[in-house]
């Protein structure tokens, strides 16, 4: 069986240098990174189409690694493409119903995902209340990993290579090299 291709899907405003998604995309084998035409004023149809095109480039299994609005984008995929996903790591989901610029992604789908998923959220994420993230996890059938005081699980909250995330990704079947340690 072929090793899965990891598709990195950043959220609103992209994941810049030092973000765990960028670091992973640069260091993991078999990674495709989704690039959107507009990171600042996202349009659901365009974002879902770009993710769909990226999945269609892959002939074997796919694991999606989504952050923030990328999580919501993933749940809007058409059924035929969602069925091609082996697993998804959904980190710090956005709450488009509470943030005007993301409103095109509302309402958030509340149906079970047809693949294994792990949703990671923080108790103090400024972009999505942990209760909302928990409701997403229940609706999507995701394993729920609740972190305390991890913010939006990005560079601003001190998450570089993020070893816990790599371990979760590996549990979904992705090939992950030997542990990467944070610089001192």
N, C-alpha and C. Protein backbone atom coordinates (compact mmCIF):
# COMPACT_ATOMS: atom_id res chain seq x y z
N UNK A 1 0.84 -1.19 0.00
CA UNK A 1 0.00 0.00 0.00
C UNK A 1 0.88 1.25 0.00
N UNK A 2 0.54 2.23 -0.82
CA UNK A 2 1.32 3.46 -0.93
C UNK A 2 1.21 4.29 0.34
N UNK A 3 2.29 4.98 0.66
CA UNK A 3 2.26 5.91 1.78
C UNK A 3 1.35 7.07 1.42
N UNK A 4 0.58 7.54 2.37
CA UNK A 4 -0.33 8.64 2.05
C UNK A 4 0.42 9.95 1.76
N UNK A 5 -0.15 10.74 0.90
CA UNK A 5 0.32 12.08 0.64
C UNK A 5 -0.34 13.00 1.67
N UNK A 6 0.46 13.83 2.30
CA UNK A 6 -0.06 14.79 3.27
C UNK A 6 -0.37 16.08 2.52
N UNK A 7 -1.59 16.56 2.68
CA UNK A 7 -2.00 17.84 2.10
C UNK A 7 -2.12 18.83 3.23
N UNK A 8 -1.27 19.85 3.20
CA UNK A 8 -1.27 20.91 4.21
C UNK A 8 -2.20 22.02 3.72
N UNK A 9 -3.18 22.34 4.55
CA UNK A 9 -4.18 23.34 4.20
C UNK A 9 -4.21 24.44 5.26
N UNK A 10 -3.50 25.56 5.00
CA UNK A 10 -3.53 26.66 5.96
C UNK A 10 -4.90 27.31 6.04
N UNK A 11 -5.04 28.13 7.06
CA UNK A 11 -6.29 28.86 7.27
C UNK A 11 -6.20 30.30 6.80
N UNK A 12 -7.14 31.09 7.29
CA UNK A 12 -7.24 32.50 6.94
C UNK A 12 -5.89 33.19 7.15
N UNK A 13 -5.43 33.92 6.19
CA UNK A 13 -4.17 34.66 6.19
C UNK A 13 -2.93 33.78 6.05
N UNK A 14 -3.10 32.49 5.74
CA UNK A 14 -2.00 31.58 5.45
C UNK A 14 -1.19 31.26 6.70
N UNK A 15 -0.27 30.35 6.59
CA UNK A 15 0.64 29.97 7.67
C UNK A 15 2.05 30.36 7.23
N UNK A 16 2.58 31.37 7.85
CA UNK A 16 3.86 31.91 7.42
C UNK A 16 5.06 31.16 7.95
N UNK A 17 6.25 31.76 7.79
CA UNK A 17 7.48 31.14 8.26
C UNK A 17 7.41 30.87 9.77
N UNK A 18 7.93 29.74 10.18
CA UNK A 18 7.92 29.38 11.59
C UNK A 18 6.66 28.70 12.07
N UNK A 19 5.58 28.76 11.28
CA UNK A 19 4.33 28.06 11.63
C UNK A 19 4.57 26.57 11.45
N UNK A 20 4.02 25.76 12.32
CA UNK A 20 4.23 24.31 12.24
C UNK A 20 3.82 23.76 10.88
N UNK A 21 2.77 24.31 10.26
CA UNK A 21 2.38 23.79 8.94
C UNK A 21 3.49 24.03 7.91
N UNK A 22 4.10 25.19 7.94
CA UNK A 22 5.17 25.51 7.01
C UNK A 22 6.38 24.64 7.28
N UNK A 23 6.74 24.48 8.55
CA UNK A 23 7.88 23.64 8.92
C UNK A 23 7.65 22.20 8.49
N UNK A 24 6.44 21.69 8.69
CA UNK A 24 6.13 20.32 8.29
C UNK A 24 6.19 20.17 6.77
N UNK A 25 5.61 21.13 6.05
CA UNK A 25 5.60 21.06 4.58
C UNK A 25 7.02 21.04 4.03
N UNK A 26 7.93 21.69 4.74
CA UNK A 26 9.33 21.74 4.30
C UNK A 26 10.13 20.51 4.70
N UNK A 27 9.64 19.73 5.67
CA UNK A 27 10.47 18.63 6.20
C UNK A 27 9.88 17.23 6.05
N UNK A 28 8.59 17.11 5.85
CA UNK A 28 7.99 15.78 5.74
C UNK A 28 8.02 15.27 4.30
N UNK A 29 8.09 13.95 4.13
CA UNK A 29 8.04 13.40 2.77
C UNK A 29 6.60 13.44 2.24
N UNK A 30 6.45 13.49 0.95
CA UNK A 30 5.15 13.40 0.28
C UNK A 30 4.14 14.42 0.80
N UNK A 31 4.48 15.70 0.66
CA UNK A 31 3.59 16.77 1.12
C UNK A 31 3.23 17.68 -0.05
N UNK A 32 1.95 18.02 -0.14
CA UNK A 32 1.48 19.07 -1.04
C UNK A 32 0.87 20.17 -0.17
N UNK A 33 1.17 21.40 -0.47
CA UNK A 33 0.61 22.53 0.28
C UNK A 33 -0.39 23.24 -0.61
N UNK A 34 -1.57 23.48 -0.09
CA UNK A 34 -2.62 24.18 -0.84
C UNK A 34 -2.32 25.68 -0.80
N UNK A 35 -2.32 26.30 -1.96
CA UNK A 35 -2.13 27.75 -2.06
C UNK A 35 -3.44 28.36 -2.56
N UNK A 36 -3.95 29.32 -1.83
CA UNK A 36 -5.19 30.00 -2.21
C UNK A 36 -4.86 31.28 -2.97
N UNK A 37 -5.78 31.72 -3.83
CA UNK A 37 -5.59 32.97 -4.56
C UNK A 37 -5.75 34.18 -3.64
N UNK A 38 -6.61 34.06 -2.64
CA UNK A 38 -6.86 35.19 -1.73
C UNK A 38 -6.91 34.67 -0.30
N UNK A 39 -5.85 34.95 0.44
CA UNK A 39 -5.77 34.50 1.84
C UNK A 39 -6.50 35.44 2.79
N UNK A 40 -6.78 36.67 2.36
CA UNK A 40 -7.32 37.68 3.26
C UNK A 40 -8.85 37.79 3.18
N UNK A 41 -9.41 37.68 1.99
CA UNK A 41 -10.87 37.75 1.81
C UNK A 41 -11.32 36.40 1.22
N UNK A 42 -11.40 35.36 2.05
CA UNK A 42 -11.66 34.02 1.53
C UNK A 42 -13.09 33.84 1.02
N UNK A 43 -13.20 33.07 -0.07
CA UNK A 43 -14.48 32.72 -0.66
C UNK A 43 -14.58 31.19 -0.63
N UNK A 44 -15.64 30.69 -0.02
CA UNK A 44 -15.76 29.25 0.19
C UNK A 44 -15.60 28.45 -1.10
N UNK A 45 -16.30 28.82 -2.16
CA UNK A 45 -16.23 28.04 -3.40
C UNK A 45 -14.80 27.97 -3.93
N UNK A 46 -14.08 29.08 -3.90
CA UNK A 46 -12.70 29.10 -4.39
C UNK A 46 -11.79 28.24 -3.52
N UNK A 47 -11.96 28.34 -2.20
CA UNK A 47 -11.10 27.56 -1.29
C UNK A 47 -11.37 26.07 -1.42
N UNK A 48 -12.64 25.69 -1.49
CA UNK A 48 -12.99 24.27 -1.62
C UNK A 48 -12.52 23.75 -2.97
N UNK A 49 -12.65 24.55 -4.02
CA UNK A 49 -12.18 24.13 -5.35
C UNK A 49 -10.68 23.90 -5.36
N UNK A 50 -9.92 24.77 -4.70
CA UNK A 50 -8.47 24.61 -4.67
C UNK A 50 -8.07 23.36 -3.90
N UNK A 51 -8.74 23.09 -2.78
CA UNK A 51 -8.47 21.85 -2.03
C UNK A 51 -8.85 20.64 -2.88
N UNK A 52 -9.98 20.72 -3.56
CA UNK A 52 -10.42 19.62 -4.43
C UNK A 52 -9.40 19.33 -5.52
N UNK A 53 -8.90 20.38 -6.17
CA UNK A 53 -7.88 20.22 -7.22
C UNK A 53 -6.63 19.54 -6.67
N UNK A 54 -6.24 19.91 -5.46
CA UNK A 54 -5.04 19.33 -4.85
C UNK A 54 -5.25 17.85 -4.57
N UNK A 55 -6.41 17.48 -4.04
CA UNK A 55 -6.71 16.06 -3.78
C UNK A 55 -6.72 15.29 -5.09
N UNK A 56 -7.27 15.88 -6.14
CA UNK A 56 -7.35 15.20 -7.44
C UNK A 56 -5.98 14.96 -8.07
N UNK A 57 -4.96 15.69 -7.66
CA UNK A 57 -3.59 15.49 -8.17
C UNK A 57 -2.97 14.21 -7.65
N UNK A 58 -3.52 13.67 -6.57
CA UNK A 58 -2.94 12.53 -5.87
C UNK A 58 -3.64 11.25 -6.30
N UNK A 59 -2.86 10.22 -6.63
CA UNK A 59 -3.48 8.95 -7.05
C UNK A 59 -3.72 8.01 -5.87
N UNK A 60 -2.99 8.17 -4.79
CA UNK A 60 -3.13 7.27 -3.64
C UNK A 60 -3.86 7.93 -2.49
N UNK A 61 -3.67 7.36 -1.29
CA UNK A 61 -4.35 7.90 -0.11
C UNK A 61 -3.86 9.29 0.27
N UNK A 62 -4.73 10.03 0.93
CA UNK A 62 -4.48 11.42 1.30
C UNK A 62 -4.78 11.61 2.79
N UNK A 63 -3.92 12.39 3.45
CA UNK A 63 -4.19 12.85 4.81
C UNK A 63 -4.17 14.38 4.76
N UNK A 64 -5.25 15.00 5.22
CA UNK A 64 -5.34 16.45 5.23
C UNK A 64 -4.90 16.96 6.60
N UNK A 65 -4.04 17.97 6.58
CA UNK A 65 -3.61 18.65 7.80
C UNK A 65 -4.08 20.09 7.68
N UNK A 66 -5.19 20.40 8.34
CA UNK A 66 -5.82 21.71 8.19
C UNK A 66 -5.71 22.53 9.47
N UNK A 67 -5.58 23.82 9.30
CA UNK A 67 -5.54 24.75 10.43
C UNK A 67 -6.61 25.81 10.22
N UNK A 68 -7.30 26.15 11.30
CA UNK A 68 -8.23 27.26 11.33
C UNK A 68 -9.32 27.15 10.25
N UNK A 69 -9.38 28.12 9.34
CA UNK A 69 -10.40 28.07 8.29
C UNK A 69 -10.20 26.88 7.35
N UNK A 70 -8.98 26.35 7.30
CA UNK A 70 -8.73 25.14 6.52
C UNK A 70 -9.56 23.96 7.02
N UNK A 71 -9.81 23.91 8.33
CA UNK A 71 -10.65 22.84 8.90
C UNK A 71 -12.07 22.92 8.33
N UNK A 72 -12.60 24.14 8.31
CA UNK A 72 -13.98 24.33 7.83
C UNK A 72 -14.03 24.06 6.32
N UNK A 73 -13.00 24.49 5.60
CA UNK A 73 -12.93 24.22 4.16
C UNK A 73 -13.01 22.71 3.91
N UNK A 74 -12.26 21.95 4.69
CA UNK A 74 -12.23 20.49 4.53
C UNK A 74 -13.62 19.88 4.70
N UNK A 75 -14.40 20.39 5.64
CA UNK A 75 -15.73 19.82 5.88
C UNK A 75 -16.73 20.18 4.78
N UNK A 76 -16.39 21.15 3.95
CA UNK A 76 -17.27 21.55 2.84
C UNK A 76 -16.98 20.78 1.55
N UNK A 77 -16.00 19.85 1.57
CA UNK A 77 -15.67 19.10 0.36
C UNK A 77 -16.86 18.29 -0.14
N UNK A 78 -16.99 18.14 -1.45
CA UNK A 78 -18.03 17.25 -1.98
C UNK A 78 -17.76 15.81 -1.54
N UNK A 79 -18.80 15.02 -1.39
CA UNK A 79 -18.71 13.66 -0.88
C UNK A 79 -17.70 12.81 -1.64
N UNK A 80 -17.68 12.89 -2.97
CA UNK A 80 -16.79 12.03 -3.75
C UNK A 80 -15.31 12.32 -3.45
N UNK A 81 -14.98 13.56 -3.11
CA UNK A 81 -13.60 13.87 -2.76
C UNK A 81 -13.32 13.56 -1.29
N UNK A 82 -14.27 13.80 -0.43
CA UNK A 82 -14.09 13.48 1.00
C UNK A 82 -13.82 11.98 1.17
N UNK A 83 -14.41 11.16 0.32
CA UNK A 83 -14.21 9.71 0.43
C UNK A 83 -12.80 9.29 0.03
N UNK A 84 -12.03 10.17 -0.59
CA UNK A 84 -10.64 9.86 -0.96
C UNK A 84 -9.66 10.14 0.18
N UNK A 85 -10.16 10.74 1.26
CA UNK A 85 -9.30 11.10 2.38
C UNK A 85 -9.19 9.91 3.33
N UNK A 86 -7.97 9.57 3.72
CA UNK A 86 -7.72 8.50 4.68
C UNK A 86 -7.88 9.02 6.11
N UNK A 87 -7.50 10.27 6.34
CA UNK A 87 -7.59 10.85 7.67
C UNK A 87 -7.35 12.34 7.61
N UNK A 88 -7.72 13.02 8.71
CA UNK A 88 -7.51 14.46 8.76
C UNK A 88 -7.13 14.88 10.17
N UNK A 89 -6.15 15.76 10.24
CA UNK A 89 -5.78 16.42 11.48
C UNK A 89 -6.31 17.84 11.36
N UNK A 90 -7.31 18.14 12.15
CA UNK A 90 -8.02 19.41 12.08
C UNK A 90 -7.65 20.22 13.32
N UNK A 91 -6.89 21.28 13.14
CA UNK A 91 -6.29 22.00 14.26
C UNK A 91 -6.83 23.42 14.37
N UNK A 92 -7.29 23.76 15.58
CA UNK A 92 -7.76 25.12 15.89
C UNK A 92 -8.78 25.61 14.87
N UNK A 93 -9.92 24.92 14.76
CA UNK A 93 -10.90 25.30 13.74
C UNK A 93 -11.39 26.73 13.92
N UNK A 94 -11.77 27.34 12.83
CA UNK A 94 -12.34 28.69 12.86
C UNK A 94 -13.81 28.60 13.21
N UNK A 95 -14.37 29.72 13.59
CA UNK A 95 -15.80 29.85 13.84
C UNK A 95 -16.34 30.93 12.91
N UNK A 96 -16.67 30.54 11.65
CA UNK A 96 -17.07 31.55 10.67
C UNK A 96 -18.39 32.25 11.01
N UNK A 97 -19.15 31.67 11.92
CA UNK A 97 -20.42 32.30 12.29
C UNK A 97 -20.19 33.48 13.25
N UNK A 98 -18.98 33.62 13.79
CA UNK A 98 -18.67 34.71 14.71
C UNK A 98 -17.70 35.73 14.12
N UNK A 99 -17.22 35.51 12.92
CA UNK A 99 -16.23 36.41 12.33
C UNK A 99 -16.67 36.77 10.91
N UNK A 100 -17.07 38.01 10.72
CA UNK A 100 -17.68 38.48 9.48
C UNK A 100 -16.94 38.14 8.21
N UNK A 101 -15.60 38.31 8.19
CA UNK A 101 -14.83 38.08 6.98
C UNK A 101 -14.87 36.61 6.55
N UNK A 102 -15.23 35.72 7.48
CA UNK A 102 -15.29 34.28 7.18
C UNK A 102 -16.72 33.79 6.95
N UNK A 103 -17.68 34.70 6.95
CA UNK A 103 -19.10 34.34 6.92
C UNK A 103 -19.50 33.47 5.73
N UNK A 104 -18.77 33.56 4.62
CA UNK A 104 -19.11 32.76 3.45
C UNK A 104 -18.98 31.25 3.73
N UNK A 105 -18.26 30.89 4.78
CA UNK A 105 -18.05 29.48 5.13
C UNK A 105 -19.13 28.96 6.08
N UNK A 106 -20.03 29.85 6.51
CA UNK A 106 -21.16 29.45 7.35
C UNK A 106 -22.35 29.13 6.45
N UNK A 107 -23.22 28.24 6.88
CA UNK A 107 -23.12 27.47 8.12
C UNK A 107 -22.08 26.35 7.99
N UNK A 108 -21.48 26.02 9.12
CA UNK A 108 -20.52 24.93 9.18
C UNK A 108 -21.27 23.61 9.07
N UNK A 109 -20.84 22.69 8.21
CA UNK A 109 -21.51 21.38 8.13
C UNK A 109 -21.41 20.62 9.46
N UNK A 110 -22.50 20.08 9.89
CA UNK A 110 -22.53 19.30 11.13
C UNK A 110 -22.92 17.86 10.84
N UNK A 111 -22.19 17.21 9.92
CA UNK A 111 -22.42 15.79 9.67
C UNK A 111 -21.13 15.02 9.83
N UNK A 112 -21.27 13.75 10.10
CA UNK A 112 -20.11 12.87 10.32
C UNK A 112 -19.22 12.83 9.09
N UNK A 113 -17.92 12.94 9.30
CA UNK A 113 -16.96 12.87 8.21
C UNK A 113 -16.73 11.40 7.84
N UNK A 114 -16.52 11.09 6.54
CA UNK A 114 -16.37 9.70 6.12
C UNK A 114 -14.94 9.17 6.26
N UNK A 115 -14.15 9.76 7.14
CA UNK A 115 -12.78 9.34 7.37
C UNK A 115 -12.43 9.61 8.83
N UNK A 116 -11.36 8.99 9.28
CA UNK A 116 -10.91 9.22 10.66
C UNK A 116 -10.37 10.64 10.77
N UNK A 117 -10.74 11.31 11.83
CA UNK A 117 -10.25 12.67 12.03
C UNK A 117 -9.95 12.92 13.50
N UNK A 118 -8.98 13.79 13.71
CA UNK A 118 -8.61 14.24 15.04
C UNK A 118 -8.73 15.75 15.04
N UNK A 119 -9.53 16.27 15.95
CA UNK A 119 -9.70 17.72 16.07
C UNK A 119 -8.95 18.17 17.33
N UNK A 120 -8.04 19.12 17.16
CA UNK A 120 -7.26 19.66 18.27
C UNK A 120 -7.69 21.11 18.47
N UNK A 121 -8.07 21.44 19.70
CA UNK A 121 -8.50 22.80 20.01
C UNK A 121 -7.94 23.21 21.36
N UNK A 122 -7.88 24.50 21.57
CA UNK A 122 -7.35 25.05 22.81
C UNK A 122 -8.46 25.72 23.61
N UNK A 123 -8.34 25.62 24.92
CA UNK A 123 -9.32 26.23 25.82
C UNK A 123 -9.33 27.75 25.71
N UNK A 124 -8.25 28.34 25.22
CA UNK A 124 -8.22 29.81 25.12
C UNK A 124 -7.94 30.31 23.69
N UNK A 125 -8.46 29.59 22.71
CA UNK A 125 -8.31 30.03 21.31
C UNK A 125 -9.18 31.28 21.11
N UNK A 126 -8.60 32.40 20.70
CA UNK A 126 -9.39 33.61 20.53
C UNK A 126 -10.32 33.58 19.31
N UNK A 127 -10.14 32.59 18.42
CA UNK A 127 -10.92 32.54 17.19
C UNK A 127 -12.04 31.51 17.20
N UNK A 128 -12.08 30.66 18.21
CA UNK A 128 -13.13 29.65 18.28
C UNK A 128 -13.26 29.16 19.72
N UNK A 129 -14.41 29.37 20.35
CA UNK A 129 -14.59 28.86 21.71
C UNK A 129 -14.43 27.35 21.74
N UNK A 130 -13.83 26.83 22.80
CA UNK A 130 -13.59 25.39 22.90
C UNK A 130 -14.91 24.61 22.89
N UNK A 131 -15.99 25.20 23.37
CA UNK A 131 -17.31 24.54 23.31
C UNK A 131 -17.74 24.32 21.86
N UNK A 132 -17.49 25.33 21.02
CA UNK A 132 -17.83 25.20 19.60
C UNK A 132 -16.96 24.13 18.95
N UNK A 133 -15.66 24.13 19.26
CA UNK A 133 -14.77 23.11 18.71
C UNK A 133 -15.23 21.72 19.15
N UNK A 134 -15.64 21.58 20.40
CA UNK A 134 -16.15 20.30 20.90
C UNK A 134 -17.41 19.87 20.16
N UNK A 135 -18.28 20.83 19.86
CA UNK A 135 -19.49 20.52 19.09
C UNK A 135 -19.14 20.06 17.68
N UNK A 136 -18.15 20.71 17.07
CA UNK A 136 -17.68 20.25 15.76
C UNK A 136 -17.20 18.80 15.86
N UNK A 137 -16.36 18.52 16.85
CA UNK A 137 -15.78 17.18 16.99
C UNK A 137 -16.88 16.13 17.14
N UNK A 138 -17.88 16.42 17.95
CA UNK A 138 -18.99 15.45 18.13
C UNK A 138 -19.74 15.25 16.81
N UNK A 139 -20.06 16.34 16.12
CA UNK A 139 -20.81 16.24 14.87
C UNK A 139 -20.01 15.53 13.78
N UNK A 140 -18.73 15.79 13.72
CA UNK A 140 -17.89 15.22 12.66
C UNK A 140 -17.40 13.82 13.00
N UNK A 141 -17.61 13.35 14.23
CA UNK A 141 -17.11 12.04 14.63
C UNK A 141 -15.61 12.05 14.86
N UNK A 142 -15.07 13.20 15.19
CA UNK A 142 -13.62 13.36 15.38
C UNK A 142 -13.20 13.01 16.80
N UNK A 143 -12.00 12.45 16.92
CA UNK A 143 -11.38 12.34 18.24
C UNK A 143 -11.06 13.77 18.65
N UNK A 144 -11.33 14.11 19.92
CA UNK A 144 -11.16 15.49 20.37
C UNK A 144 -9.99 15.58 21.33
N UNK A 145 -9.00 16.40 20.97
CA UNK A 145 -7.85 16.66 21.82
C UNK A 145 -7.95 18.11 22.27
N UNK A 146 -8.19 18.30 23.57
CA UNK A 146 -8.36 19.64 24.14
C UNK A 146 -7.07 20.03 24.85
N UNK A 147 -6.47 21.13 24.39
CA UNK A 147 -5.25 21.64 25.01
C UNK A 147 -5.60 22.83 25.90
N UNK A 148 -4.88 22.98 26.99
CA UNK A 148 -5.08 24.15 27.85
C UNK A 148 -4.09 25.24 27.46
N UNK A 149 -4.57 26.45 27.37
CA UNK A 149 -3.72 27.62 27.15
C UNK A 149 -2.76 27.48 25.96
N UNK A 150 -3.24 26.95 24.85
CA UNK A 150 -2.42 26.81 23.64
C UNK A 150 -2.77 27.85 22.58
N UNK A 151 -3.65 28.79 22.93
CA UNK A 151 -4.02 29.84 21.98
C UNK A 151 -4.58 29.28 20.69
N UNK A 152 -4.18 29.88 19.58
CA UNK A 152 -4.67 29.45 18.26
C UNK A 152 -3.75 28.39 17.65
N UNK A 153 -2.88 27.82 18.46
CA UNK A 153 -1.96 26.75 18.04
C UNK A 153 -1.22 27.17 16.77
N UNK A 154 -0.52 28.30 16.90
CA UNK A 154 0.23 28.87 15.79
C UNK A 154 1.53 29.49 16.32
N UNK A 155 2.21 30.23 15.50
CA UNK A 155 3.48 30.85 15.90
C UNK A 155 3.27 31.79 17.09
N UNK A 156 2.20 32.59 17.03
CA UNK A 156 1.95 33.56 18.10
C UNK A 156 1.77 32.90 19.46
N UNK A 157 1.30 31.66 19.48
CA UNK A 157 1.11 30.96 20.75
C UNK A 157 2.28 30.02 21.06
N UNK A 158 3.38 30.17 20.32
CA UNK A 158 4.60 29.44 20.63
C UNK A 158 4.71 28.05 20.04
N UNK A 159 3.95 27.76 18.99
CA UNK A 159 3.98 26.43 18.36
C UNK A 159 4.83 26.48 17.09
N UNK A 160 6.05 25.92 17.21
CA UNK A 160 6.94 25.80 16.06
C UNK A 160 6.75 24.45 15.41
N UNK A 161 7.69 23.55 15.59
CA UNK A 161 7.60 22.22 14.98
C UNK A 161 6.43 21.42 15.54
N UNK A 162 6.01 21.69 16.74
CA UNK A 162 4.86 21.09 17.41
C UNK A 162 4.90 19.55 17.40
N UNK A 163 5.76 18.97 18.23
CA UNK A 163 5.91 17.51 18.29
C UNK A 163 4.61 16.75 18.58
N UNK A 164 3.74 17.28 19.43
CA UNK A 164 2.46 16.59 19.69
C UNK A 164 1.66 16.46 18.40
N UNK A 165 1.62 17.51 17.61
CA UNK A 165 0.91 17.46 16.34
C UNK A 165 1.49 16.42 15.40
N UNK A 166 2.82 16.33 15.35
CA UNK A 166 3.47 15.31 14.52
C UNK A 166 3.08 13.91 14.97
N UNK A 167 3.02 13.69 16.29
CA UNK A 167 2.61 12.38 16.80
C UNK A 167 1.17 12.07 16.39
N UNK A 168 0.30 13.06 16.45
CA UNK A 168 -1.10 12.86 16.04
C UNK A 168 -1.17 12.57 14.54
N UNK A 169 -0.37 13.28 13.77
CA UNK A 169 -0.32 13.04 12.32
C UNK A 169 0.15 11.61 12.03
N UNK A 170 1.16 11.17 12.74
CA UNK A 170 1.67 9.82 12.57
C UNK A 170 0.59 8.79 12.91
N UNK A 171 -0.23 9.07 13.92
CA UNK A 171 -1.29 8.14 14.30
C UNK A 171 -2.35 7.98 13.21
N UNK A 172 -2.39 8.95 12.29
CA UNK A 172 -3.32 8.86 11.15
C UNK A 172 -2.72 8.10 9.98
N UNK A 173 -1.44 7.71 10.09
CA UNK A 173 -0.81 6.91 9.05
C UNK A 173 0.21 7.65 8.21
N UNK A 174 0.52 8.89 8.56
CA UNK A 174 1.52 9.63 7.80
C UNK A 174 2.92 9.19 8.19
N UNK A 175 3.83 9.25 7.22
CA UNK A 175 5.23 8.96 7.52
C UNK A 175 5.84 10.22 8.13
N UNK A 176 6.35 10.06 9.36
CA UNK A 176 6.95 11.18 10.07
C UNK A 176 8.38 10.78 10.42
N UNK A 177 9.36 11.62 10.08
CA UNK A 177 10.74 11.28 10.41
C UNK A 177 10.98 11.29 11.92
N UNK A 178 12.17 10.94 12.30
CA UNK A 178 12.54 10.94 13.73
C UNK A 178 12.11 12.27 14.35
N UNK A 179 11.84 12.25 15.66
CA UNK A 179 11.34 13.47 16.31
C UNK A 179 12.22 14.69 16.05
N UNK A 180 11.55 15.76 15.78
CA UNK A 180 12.23 17.04 15.57
C UNK A 180 12.15 17.78 16.90
N UNK A 181 13.27 18.21 17.39
CA UNK A 181 13.25 18.92 18.67
C UNK A 181 13.28 20.41 18.43
N UNK A 182 12.65 21.13 19.32
CA UNK A 182 12.62 22.58 19.24
C UNK A 182 14.03 23.12 19.54
N UNK A 183 14.46 24.16 18.85
CA UNK A 183 15.75 24.77 19.19
C UNK A 183 15.69 25.33 20.60
N UNK A 184 16.81 25.29 21.30
CA UNK A 184 16.87 25.78 22.67
C UNK A 184 16.80 27.29 22.73
